[in-house]
Amino acid sequence: MDRTDRKRLVALALLAALVAPALAQARPGDLDRSFGDGGKVRTGFCGGYASPYSVVTDSRGRIVVGGQNTWSDGLCVDRFRANGTRDPSFGSGGEVKTVLGAAGGVRAVAIDSHGRIVAAGFGRQSGGHRDFALARYEPNGALDPSFGTGGTVTTDLGSAEVATSVAIDTGGRIVVLGDDGVTLARYRANGSLDPSFGTGGIVTTDFGPRGGANSVAIDSRDRIVAAGFGQRHHRYGFALARYARSGRLDAAFSRDGKVITSFKGPTSATSVAIDSRGRIVAAGSAWEVARYRRNGRLDHSFSGNGKVSPGWGSYSSSAAIDPEDRIVEAGAHGSLVLGRFVGYRRR
């Protein structure tokens, strides 16, 4: 072995010594340092001081955020590339805004199998209250004229309605969750209500006194999971319900279709997602996370008891699982805050 070969071996050994600790530090639950600035992105949103309410990732790892400006009206959707920079191929500089009368805003976004973005929230007031509002965008940010009227749909359910979450099943049907207790509406791909679901496309569920739901997801069998809050032992915790395709509660899930999970303090499930193995992941208002098996029981292979409470103290609005099972969470602290985590180990 000559001097050059020895130098190469030494260089490789030094490189391995430097890389190994860095890899060892990337533990499940750590921020992903390859995203934005040390795992986070801080940027303006919706033309000024605004609130992001929902985040999803597409098949290319791009991140879509929906919300509203605090001081103006309109459905706001922004898209970021996988590294955290704005995507200039979407709308105007990575952002689109759709005005649907007074007091409009986005509370949830989803992406269908064609890459179209569905934004759900509330739109024009009719009879003095808000209506469900949906908009569907082409991958470039333009409104889709084949959906509803010019790309938008509003639904009056007769009370104060805000669509807080949206999910899309394998048939392209759109499921929307409302904030009036636990109210689900399912729409066909063209934007009309689906009469085969519940009563005229609508289902309501009781989560107990003052209980409600915040987020909805759909598994590979088109079963619908709604997550929010309910009382257990006089304390608010995560509340989940699962429905069959018809809209009936699924008795195979925690025997009666519903489950409530307590944490040390009162909390609410603000977001729910389903991972690549069909397990249900719910994220809470103070960054709590719980994982459930398909039968509705907590998955004790996750953090020992199925629950994690990091205690970060900041507010989490939404969470999603990307194609690599990394968890992306969005919240607000005067501006948009995104965090991406390496991902909890699969066991």
Protein backbone atom coordinates (compact mmCIF):
# COMPACT_ATOMS: atom_id res chain seq x y z
CA MET A 1 0.00 0.00 0.00
CA ASP A 2 1.55 3.31 -1.11
CA ARG A 3 1.28 6.72 0.52
CA THR A 4 -1.64 7.81 -1.72
CA ASP A 5 -3.68 4.75 -0.77
CA ARG A 6 -2.98 5.31 2.91
CA LYS A 7 -4.11 8.94 2.60
CA ARG A 8 -7.33 7.81 0.95
CA LEU A 9 -8.00 5.33 3.75
CA VAL A 10 -7.35 7.98 6.37
CA ALA A 11 -9.66 10.42 4.55
CA LEU A 12 -12.41 7.80 4.34
CA ALA A 13 -12.01 6.99 8.03
CA LEU A 14 -12.25 10.67 8.96
CA LEU A 15 -15.33 11.09 6.76
CA ALA A 16 -16.99 8.09 8.38
CA ALA A 17 -16.16 9.46 11.83
CA LEU A 18 -17.79 12.78 10.94
CA VAL A 19 -20.88 11.33 9.25
CA ALA A 20 -21.70 8.60 11.78
CA PRO A 21 -22.47 10.98 14.70
CA ALA A 22 -24.66 13.12 12.39
CA LEU A 23 -26.64 10.05 11.34
CA ALA A 24 -26.90 8.89 14.92
CA GLN A 25 -28.35 12.25 15.92
CA ALA A 26 -31.19 11.96 13.38
CA ARG A 27 -33.50 10.09 15.71
CA PRO A 28 -37.20 9.52 15.18
CA GLY A 29 -39.00 12.71 16.19
CA ASP A 30 -36.05 15.03 15.42
CA LEU A 31 -36.49 17.99 13.06
CA ASP A 32 -35.32 17.29 9.48
CA ARG A 33 -32.33 19.64 8.99
CA SER A 34 -32.55 19.34 5.17
CA PHE A 35 -35.85 21.26 5.21
CA GLY A 36 -35.81 25.07 5.24
CA ASP A 37 -33.72 26.56 8.04
CA GLY A 38 -32.84 23.72 10.41
CA GLY A 39 -36.14 21.93 9.79
CA LYS A 40 -38.45 24.97 9.77
CA VAL A 41 -39.76 27.59 7.34
CA ARG A 42 -40.99 31.04 8.38
CA THR A 43 -42.63 33.11 5.65
CA GLY A 44 -45.46 35.48 4.87
CA PHE A 45 -48.82 33.91 4.04
CA CYS A 46 -51.98 35.07 2.28
CA GLY A 47 -50.79 38.65 1.83
CA GLY A 48 -50.03 39.48 5.44
CA TYR A 49 -50.85 38.39 8.97
CA ALA A 50 -52.67 35.12 8.43
CA SER A 51 -53.49 31.75 9.95
CA PRO A 52 -52.55 28.43 8.32
CA TYR A 53 -55.10 25.74 9.15
CA SER A 54 -54.14 22.72 7.07
CA VAL A 55 -51.11 21.08 5.45
CA VAL A 56 -50.80 18.15 3.03
CA THR A 57 -48.03 16.73 0.86
CA ASP A 58 -48.39 15.54 -2.73
CA SER A 59 -46.77 12.58 -4.51
CA ARG A 60 -43.72 14.73 -5.34
CA GLY A 61 -43.19 15.77 -1.74
CA ARG A 62 -44.46 19.31 -2.31
CA ILE A 63 -46.24 20.85 0.68
CA VAL A 64 -49.63 22.54 0.32
CA VAL A 65 -50.89 24.86 3.07
CA GLY A 66 -54.39 26.33 3.33
CA GLY A 67 -55.73 29.14 5.53
CA GLN A 68 -56.97 32.71 5.58
CA ASN A 69 -55.87 36.26 6.14
CA THR A 70 -57.07 37.61 9.49
CA TRP A 71 -58.02 40.99 8.03
CA SER A 72 -59.39 40.08 4.59
CA ASP A 73 -61.63 37.51 2.90
CA GLY A 74 -60.81 34.62 0.62
CA LEU A 75 -59.67 31.00 0.38
CA CYS A 76 -55.84 31.01 0.50
CA VAL A 77 -53.64 28.14 -0.66
CA ASP A 78 -49.81 28.15 -0.82
CA ARG A 79 -47.49 25.46 -2.21
CA PHE A 80 -43.86 24.81 -1.23
CA ARG A 81 -41.26 22.60 -2.84
CA ALA A 82 -39.87 19.63 -0.89
CA ASN A 83 -36.92 21.69 0.38
CA GLY A 84 -39.22 24.34 1.88
CA THR A 85 -38.94 27.04 -0.81
CA ARG A 86 -42.05 28.46 -2.48
CA ASP A 87 -43.17 26.77 -5.70
CA PRO A 88 -43.31 29.45 -8.45
CA SER A 89 -45.22 27.07 -10.80
CA PHE A 90 -48.31 27.31 -8.57
CA GLY A 91 -50.62 30.32 -8.88
CA SER A 92 -48.82 33.62 -8.42
CA GLY A 93 -45.44 33.04 -6.79
CA GLY A 94 -46.68 29.89 -5.06
CA GLU A 95 -50.03 31.23 -3.84
CA VAL A 96 -53.70 31.35 -4.94
CA LYS A 97 -56.63 33.21 -3.39
CA THR A 98 -60.34 32.73 -4.15
CA VAL A 99 -63.00 35.10 -2.83
CA LEU A 100 -66.45 33.62 -2.14
CA GLY A 101 -68.37 36.55 -0.71
CA ALA A 102 -68.08 37.70 2.89
CA ALA A 103 -65.98 36.05 5.60
CA GLY A 104 -64.33 33.37 3.48
CA GLY A 105 -61.38 31.20 4.49
CA VAL A 106 -59.76 27.77 4.12
CA ARG A 107 -59.74 25.31 6.99
CA ALA A 108 -58.60 22.19 5.13
CA VAL A 109 -56.89 21.02 1.93
CA ALA A 110 -56.61 17.64 0.20
CA ILE A 111 -55.12 16.35 -3.07
CA ASP A 112 -56.91 13.90 -5.38
CA SER A 113 -55.45 11.19 -7.64
CA HIS A 114 -55.16 13.70 -10.52
CA GLY A 115 -53.07 16.09 -8.45
CA ARG A 116 -55.94 18.55 -8.09
CA ILE A 117 -56.17 20.44 -4.81
CA VAL A 118 -59.47 20.62 -2.92
CA ALA A 119 -59.76 23.46 -0.40
CA ALA A 120 -62.63 23.45 2.12
CA GLY A 121 -63.76 26.06 4.61
CA PHE A 122 -66.51 28.66 4.67
CA GLY A 123 -67.80 31.15 2.16
CA ARG A 124 -70.58 33.61 1.56
CA GLN A 125 -73.15 34.23 4.27
CA SER A 126 -76.75 33.31 3.49
CA GLY A 127 -79.46 34.13 5.99
CA GLY A 128 -76.90 35.58 8.39
CA HIS A 129 -74.67 32.49 8.76
CA ARG A 130 -71.72 30.86 7.06
CA ASP A 131 -71.98 28.04 4.52
CA PHE A 132 -69.69 25.12 3.68
CA ALA A 133 -67.39 26.25 0.88
CA LEU A 134 -65.19 24.13 -1.40
CA ALA A 135 -62.88 25.01 -4.27
CA ARG A 136 -60.92 22.67 -6.52
CA TYR A 137 -57.71 23.76 -8.23
CA GLU A 138 -55.74 22.29 -11.11
CA PRO A 139 -52.09 21.40 -10.32
CA ASN A 140 -51.01 24.84 -11.60
CA GLY A 141 -53.39 26.66 -9.22
CA ALA A 142 -56.19 27.50 -11.67
CA LEU A 143 -59.80 26.80 -10.58
CA ASP A 144 -61.19 23.55 -12.07
CA PRO A 145 -64.32 24.42 -14.14
CA SER A 146 -65.57 20.77 -14.02
CA PHE A 147 -66.20 21.11 -10.26
CA GLY A 148 -69.39 22.77 -9.01
CA THR A 149 -69.87 26.24 -10.48
CA GLY A 150 -66.65 27.49 -12.00
CA GLY A 151 -64.58 25.42 -9.59
CA THR A 152 -66.43 26.22 -6.35
CA VAL A 153 -69.30 24.76 -4.28
CA THR A 154 -71.23 26.19 -1.32
CA THR A 155 -73.66 24.17 0.85
CA ASP A 156 -76.18 25.61 3.29
CA LEU A 157 -76.97 23.10 6.07
CA GLY A 158 -79.24 25.50 7.92
CA SER A 159 -76.91 26.53 10.77
CA ALA A 160 -73.49 28.12 11.34
CA GLU A 161 -71.28 25.83 9.25
CA VAL A 162 -67.54 25.85 8.67
CA ALA A 163 -65.86 22.91 6.90
CA THR A 164 -62.90 22.08 9.13
CA SER A 165 -61.42 19.07 7.30
CA VAL A 166 -61.59 17.32 3.93
CA ALA A 167 -60.51 13.93 2.55
CA ILE A 168 -60.93 12.13 -0.80
CA ASP A 169 -61.73 8.41 -1.20
CA THR A 170 -60.62 5.95 -3.90
CA GLY A 171 -63.67 6.80 -6.01
CA GLY A 172 -62.84 10.51 -6.04
CA ARG A 173 -65.69 11.34 -3.64
CA ILE A 174 -64.97 14.24 -1.29
CA VAL A 175 -65.75 13.92 2.43
CA VAL A 176 -66.03 17.17 4.39
CA LEU A 177 -66.22 17.52 8.17
CA GLY A 178 -68.08 20.43 9.76
CA ASP A 179 -67.64 22.20 13.08
CA ASP A 180 -71.30 21.99 14.14
CA GLY A 181 -70.82 19.03 16.53
CA VAL A 182 -69.72 16.16 14.30
CA THR A 183 -71.20 16.66 10.83
CA LEU A 184 -69.97 14.83 7.72
CA ALA A 185 -70.96 15.63 4.13
CA ARG A 186 -69.89 13.58 1.12
CA TYR A 187 -69.74 15.01 -2.40
CA ARG A 188 -69.40 13.25 -5.72
CA ALA A 189 -66.41 14.13 -7.90
CA ASN A 190 -68.43 16.79 -9.75
CA GLY A 191 -69.22 18.64 -6.51
CA SER A 192 -72.83 17.45 -5.94
CA LEU A 193 -73.88 15.86 -2.61
CA ASP A 194 -73.78 12.03 -2.64
CA PRO A 195 -77.29 10.69 -1.75
CA SER A 196 -75.89 7.18 -0.98
CA PHE A 197 -74.14 8.57 2.11
CA GLY A 198 -76.16 9.01 5.31
CA THR A 199 -79.28 11.09 4.72
CA GLY A 200 -79.00 13.03 1.49
CA GLY A 201 -75.21 13.04 1.76
CA ILE A 202 -75.07 14.13 5.43
CA VAL A 203 -74.18 12.21 8.66
CA THR A 204 -74.15 13.54 12.24
CA THR A 205 -72.57 11.85 15.31
CA ASP A 206 -72.67 12.54 19.05
CA PHE A 207 -69.23 12.86 20.74
CA GLY A 208 -70.81 13.60 24.13
CA PRO A 209 -71.44 16.90 25.96
CA ARG A 210 -69.75 19.75 24.09
CA GLY A 211 -67.82 17.24 22.01
CA GLY A 212 -66.84 17.93 18.42
CA ALA A 213 -64.55 16.97 15.57
CA ASN A 214 -61.70 18.76 13.81
CA SER A 215 -60.23 16.40 11.22
CA VAL A 216 -61.17 13.57 8.87
CA ALA A 217 -59.19 10.90 6.99
CA ILE A 218 -60.05 7.92 4.79
CA ASP A 219 -58.28 4.54 4.83
CA SER A 220 -57.55 2.19 1.91
CA ARG A 221 -60.96 0.52 2.36
CA ASP A 222 -62.76 3.89 2.12
CA ARG A 223 -63.66 3.83 5.81
CA ILE A 224 -63.88 7.35 7.20
CA VAL A 225 -62.13 8.39 10.44
CA ALA A 226 -63.16 11.61 12.21
CA ALA A 227 -61.08 12.99 15.09
CA GLY A 228 -61.71 15.75 17.59
CA PHE A 229 -62.51 16.04 21.28
CA GLY A 230 -64.74 14.46 23.88
CA GLN A 231 -64.84 13.97 27.65
CA ARG A 232 -63.40 11.04 29.59
CA HIS A 233 -63.17 11.16 33.39
CA HIS A 234 -64.35 14.81 33.20
CA ARG A 235 -61.34 15.75 31.06
CA TYR A 236 -61.27 16.56 27.36
CA GLY A 237 -59.14 14.23 25.26
CA PHE A 238 -58.84 12.87 21.73
CA ALA A 239 -62.14 11.54 20.35
CA LEU A 240 -62.19 9.36 17.23
CA ALA A 241 -64.97 7.70 15.24
CA ARG A 242 -64.81 5.40 12.20
CA TYR A 243 -67.54 5.00 9.58
CA ALA A 244 -68.30 2.44 6.88
CA ARG A 245 -68.75 3.64 3.28
CA SER A 246 -72.48 4.04 3.86
CA GLY A 247 -71.89 6.52 6.69
CA ARG A 248 -72.81 4.12 9.52
CA LEU A 249 -70.49 3.85 12.54
CA ASP A 250 -68.10 0.87 12.16
CA ALA A 251 -68.63 -1.59 15.03
CA ALA A 252 -65.25 -3.23 14.27
CA PHE A 253 -63.61 -0.05 15.58
CA SER A 254 -63.56 -0.05 19.39
CA ARG A 255 -66.81 -2.10 19.39
CA ASP A 256 -69.16 0.87 18.93
CA GLY A 257 -67.25 2.88 16.34
CA LYS A 258 -65.93 5.51 18.78
CA VAL A 259 -62.97 5.91 21.17
CA ILE A 260 -61.78 8.65 23.59
CA THR A 261 -58.12 8.94 24.70
CA SER A 262 -56.95 11.02 27.70
CA PHE A 263 -53.66 12.88 28.18
CA LYS A 264 -52.24 14.58 31.28
CA GLY A 265 -54.04 17.80 30.44
CA PRO A 266 -57.14 18.70 28.44
CA THR A 267 -56.52 18.53 24.71
CA SER A 268 -58.14 18.02 21.35
CA ALA A 269 -57.14 16.03 18.27
CA THR A 270 -56.62 18.75 15.67
CA SER A 271 -55.51 16.42 12.88
CA VAL A 272 -55.73 12.75 11.89
CA ALA A 273 -53.88 10.74 9.24
CA ILE A 274 -53.44 7.08 8.31
CA ASP A 275 -49.98 5.63 7.73
CA SER A 276 -48.76 3.09 5.18
CA ARG A 277 -49.78 0.18 7.43
CA GLY A 278 -53.31 1.42 8.09
CA ARG A 279 -52.58 2.68 11.59
CA ILE A 280 -54.33 5.87 12.64
CA VAL A 281 -52.15 8.80 13.77
CA ALA A 282 -53.86 11.67 15.63
CA ALA A 283 -52.05 14.92 16.51
CA GLY A 284 -53.19 17.27 19.27
CA SER A 285 -53.40 20.96 19.98
CA ALA A 286 -50.17 20.95 22.05
CA TRP A 287 -48.22 18.65 19.66
CA GLU A 288 -49.43 15.43 21.34
CA VAL A 289 -49.44 12.38 19.06
CA ALA A 290 -51.32 9.08 19.48
CA ARG A 291 -51.24 6.06 17.22
CA TYR A 292 -54.06 3.51 17.02
CA ARG A 293 -54.25 0.04 15.56
CA ARG A 294 -56.94 -0.74 13.00
CA ASN A 295 -59.30 -2.02 15.72
CA GLY A 296 -59.24 1.34 17.51
CA ARG A 297 -56.94 0.37 20.38
CA LEU A 298 -53.81 2.39 21.18
CA ASP A 299 -50.72 0.93 19.51
CA HIS A 300 -48.38 0.17 22.42
CA SER A 301 -45.47 -0.43 20.02
CA PHE A 302 -45.51 3.35 19.59
CA SER A 303 -43.61 5.04 22.42
CA GLY A 304 -44.53 2.26 24.86
CA ASN A 305 -48.15 3.27 25.42
CA GLY A 306 -49.32 4.61 22.06
CA LYS A 307 -48.96 8.28 23.01
CA VAL A 308 -46.31 11.03 22.86
CA SER A 309 -46.47 14.44 24.59
CA PRO A 310 -43.33 16.45 23.68
CA GLY A 311 -44.45 19.45 25.78
CA TRP A 312 -43.15 22.04 23.32
CA GLY A 313 -45.78 24.55 24.37
CA SER A 314 -46.49 25.93 20.89
CA TYR A 315 -49.73 25.35 19.01
CA SER A 316 -50.01 22.75 16.26
CA SER A 317 -52.82 23.19 13.73
CA SER A 318 -52.34 20.29 11.34
CA ALA A 319 -50.19 17.25 10.61
CA ALA A 320 -49.68 15.02 7.58
CA ILE A 321 -47.62 11.93 6.73
CA ASP A 322 -45.48 12.26 3.60
CA PRO A 323 -44.49 9.47 1.14
CA GLU A 324 -41.52 8.57 3.38
CA ASP A 325 -43.70 8.41 6.53
CA ARG A 326 -42.18 11.63 7.85
CA ILE A 327 -44.61 13.76 9.85
CA VAL A 328 -45.11 17.37 8.71
CA GLU A 329 -46.82 19.72 11.17
CA ALA A 330 -47.95 23.32 10.70
CA GLY A 331 -48.78 25.94 13.29
CA ALA A 332 -48.69 29.66 13.89
CA HIS A 333 -46.76 32.04 16.11
CA GLY A 334 -47.28 35.40 14.42
CA SER A 335 -46.29 33.79 11.10
CA LEU A 336 -46.46 30.44 9.36
CA VAL A 337 -44.35 27.77 11.08
CA LEU A 338 -43.66 24.39 9.47
CA GLY A 339 -41.84 21.51 11.13
CA ARG A 340 -40.88 18.20 9.59
CA PHE A 341 -39.87 15.21 11.68
CA VAL A 342 -37.69 12.30 10.71
CA GLY A 343 -40.58 9.94 11.39
CA TYR A 344 -41.43 7.52 14.14
CA ARG A 345 -40.02 4.04 13.71
CA ARG A 346 -42.27 1.36 12.28
CA ARG A 347 -42.33 -1.78 14.42
